[in-house]
C-alpha atoms as a PDB file:
ATOM      1  CA  UNK A   1     135.708 161.791 146.011  1.00  0.00           C
ATOM      2  CA  UNK A   2     133.994 158.580 144.961  1.00  0.00           C
ATOM      3  CA  UNK A   3     134.934 155.403 146.721  1.00  0.00           C
ATOM      4  CA  UNK A   4     135.895 152.518 144.461  1.00  0.00           C
ATOM      5  CA  UNK A   5     133.170 149.902 144.118  1.00  0.00           C
ATOM      6  CA  UNK A   6     133.857 146.676 145.903  1.00  0.00           C
ATOM      7  CA  UNK A   7     133.440 143.459 144.032  1.00  0.00           C
ATOM      8  CA  UNK A   8     130.818 141.092 145.314  1.00  0.00           C
ATOM      9  CA  UNK A   9     132.067 137.875 146.786  1.00  0.00           C
ATOM     10  CA  UNK A  10     131.400 134.967 144.474  1.00  0.00           C
ATOM     11  CA  UNK A  11     130.431 131.676 146.074  1.00  0.00           C
ATOM     12  CA  UNK A  12     132.293 129.326 143.749  1.00  0.00           C
ATOM     13  CA  UNK A  13     131.563 126.274 145.890  1.00  0.00           C
ATOM     14  CA  UNK A  14     127.811 126.854 145.571  1.00  0.00           C
ATOM     15  CA  UNK A  15     128.062 127.721 141.877  1.00  0.00           C
ATOM     16  CA  UNK A  16     129.946 124.503 141.137  1.00  0.00           C
ATOM     17  CA  UNK A  17     127.706 122.341 143.315  1.00  0.00           C
ATOM     18  CA  UNK A  18     125.603 119.575 141.725  1.00  0.00           C
ATOM     19  CA  UNK A  19     122.625 121.275 143.410  1.00  0.00           C
ATOM     20  CA  UNK A  20     122.887 124.047 140.838  1.00  0.00           C
ATOM     21  CA  UNK A  21     121.686 121.532 138.228  1.00  0.00           C
ATOM     22  CA  UNK A  22     118.201 121.995 139.684  1.00  0.00           C
ATOM     23  CA  UNK A  23     116.405 124.393 137.325  1.00  0.00           C
ATOM     24  CA  UNK A  24     116.004 127.932 138.724  1.00  0.00           C
ATOM     25  CA  UNK A  25     117.872 127.076 141.927  1.00  0.00           C
ATOM     26  CA  UNK A  26     119.389 130.141 143.531  1.00  0.00           C
ATOM     27  CA  UNK A  27     123.000 130.341 144.636  1.00  0.00           C
ATOM     28  CA  UNK A  28     121.854 131.511 148.060  1.00  0.00           C
ATOM     29  CA  UNK A  29     119.539 128.518 148.564  1.00  0.00           C
ATOM     30  CA  UNK A  30     122.317 126.217 147.369  1.00  0.00           C
ATOM     31  CA  UNK A  31     124.663 127.788 149.926  1.00  0.00           C
ATOM     32  CA  UNK A  32     122.071 127.158 152.662  1.00  0.00           C
ATOM     33  CA  UNK A  33     121.799 123.487 151.680  1.00  0.00           C
ATOM     34  CA  UNK A  34     125.577 123.122 151.577  1.00  0.00           C
ATOM     35  CA  UNK A  35     125.811 124.669 155.044  1.00  0.00           C
ATOM     36  CA  UNK A  36     123.544 121.955 156.477  1.00  0.00           C
ATOM     37  CA  UNK A  37     125.470 119.149 154.792  1.00  0.00           C
ATOM     38  CA  UNK A  38     123.418 118.549 151.635  1.00  0.00           C
ATOM     39  CA  UNK A  39     125.940 118.151 148.805  1.00  0.00           C
ATOM     40  CA  UNK A  40     124.148 116.027 146.180  1.00  0.00           C
ATOM     41  CA  UNK A  41     120.641 116.087 144.724  1.00  0.00           C
ATOM     42  CA  UNK A  42     119.880 112.517 145.838  1.00  0.00           C
ATOM     43  CA  UNK A  43     120.405 113.572 149.466  1.00  0.00           C
ATOM     44  CA  UNK A  44     117.184 115.596 149.227  1.00  0.00           C
ATOM     45  CA  UNK A  45     115.030 112.532 148.551  1.00  0.00           C
ATOM     46  CA  UNK A  46     112.671 111.808 151.420  1.00  0.00           C
ATOM     47  CA  UNK A  47     113.575 115.004 153.260  1.00  0.00           C
ATOM     48  CA  UNK A  48     110.934 117.418 154.515  1.00  0.00           C
ATOM     49  CA  UNK A  49     111.498 120.934 153.141  1.00  0.00           C
ATOM     50  CA  UNK A  50     110.259 122.402 156.423  1.00  0.00           C
ATOM     51  CA  UNK A  51     112.906 120.482 158.370  1.00  0.00           C
ATOM     52  CA  UNK A  52     115.600 121.578 155.905  1.00  0.00           C
ATOM     53  CA  UNK A  53     114.434 125.171 156.333  1.00  0.00           C
ATOM     54  CA  UNK A  54     114.576 124.885 160.126  1.00  0.00           C
ATOM     55  CA  UNK A  55     118.087 123.384 160.004  1.00  0.00           C
ATOM     56  CA  UNK A  56     119.217 126.179 157.685  1.00  0.00           C
ATOM     57  CA  UNK A  57     117.632 128.767 159.982  1.00  0.00           C
ATOM     58  CA  UNK A  58     119.623 127.367 162.912  1.00  0.00           C
ATOM     59  CA  UNK A  59     122.844 127.874 160.918  1.00  0.00           C
ATOM     60  CA  UNK A  60     121.829 131.301 159.599  1.00  0.00           C
ATOM     61  CA  UNK A  61     119.429 133.319 161.749  1.00  0.00           C
ATOM     62  CA  UNK A  62     118.955 135.839 158.930  1.00  0.00           C
ATOM     63  CA  UNK A  63     117.517 133.252 156.536  1.00  0.00           C
ATOM     64  CA  UNK A  64     114.619 134.760 154.545  1.00  0.00           C
ATOM     65  CA  UNK A  65     111.271 133.067 155.168  1.00  0.00           C
ATOM     66  CA  UNK A  66     110.657 132.646 151.445  1.00  0.00           C
ATOM     67  CA  UNK A  67     113.742 130.430 151.039  1.00  0.00           C
ATOM     68  CA  UNK A  68     111.550 127.424 151.807  1.00  0.00           C
ATOM     69  CA  UNK A  69     110.128 127.738 148.258  1.00  0.00           C
ATOM     70  CA  UNK A  70     113.516 126.729 146.865  1.00  0.00           C
ATOM     71  CA  UNK A  71     113.802 123.837 149.315  1.00  0.00           C
ATOM     72  CA  UNK A  72     110.348 122.537 148.316  1.00  0.00           C
ATOM     73  CA  UNK A  73     111.236 122.809 144.652  1.00  0.00           C
ATOM     74  CA  UNK A  74     114.579 121.048 145.194  1.00  0.00           C
ATOM     75  CA  UNK A  75     113.007 118.138 147.089  1.00  0.00           C
ATOM     76  CA  UNK A  76     110.338 117.801 144.381  1.00  0.00           C
ATOM     77  CA  UNK A  77     113.036 117.736 141.693  1.00  0.00           C
ATOM     78  CA  UNK A  78     115.065 115.128 143.585  1.00  0.00           C
ATOM     79  CA  UNK A  79     112.072 112.843 144.099  1.00  0.00           C
ATOM     80  CA  UNK A  80     110.703 112.907 140.533  1.00  0.00           C
ATOM     81  CA  UNK A  81     112.473 111.375 137.540  1.00  0.00           C
ATOM     82  CA  UNK A  82     110.422 113.470 135.119  1.00  0.00           C
ATOM     83  CA  UNK A  83     109.336 116.557 137.054  1.00  0.00           C
ATOM     84  CA  UNK A  84     106.528 118.739 135.744  1.00  0.00           C
ATOM     85  CA  UNK A  85     108.141 121.867 134.238  1.00  0.00           C
ATOM     86  CA  UNK A  86     105.414 123.998 135.859  1.00  0.00           C
ATOM     87  CA  UNK A  87     106.685 122.893 139.259  1.00  0.00           C
ATOM     88  CA  UNK A  88     110.274 123.834 138.533  1.00  0.00           C
ATOM     89  CA  UNK A  89     109.897 127.453 139.527  1.00  0.00           C
ATOM     90  CA  UNK A  90     110.069 128.712 143.113  1.00  0.00           C
ATOM     91  CA  UNK A  91     106.847 130.707 142.621  1.00  0.00           C
ATOM     92  CA  UNK A  92     104.970 127.434 142.160  1.00  0.00           C
ATOM     93  CA  UNK A  93     105.831 126.592 145.774  1.00  0.00           C
ATOM     94  CA  UNK A  94     104.649 129.770 147.532  1.00  0.00           C
END
């Protein structure tokens, strides 16, 4: 007999976070930033993405290595009033 499918947990806090206003920001990366105390976009200004990644890795040992792309993109977005649309994609930060 087939087991009923379980619903995925929805991270409403991350989904409703101001960080989700960053174009192409993932819910998972937003959750990582929330876990290290980053709640607002302006809090990313002047922060080193590598340091953010290391702090997130300390909270979550299973953090994917490619998550730093989202952190770089988020810091870029926070520090630029008119960001270049080409830079607002995680693949631009590989």
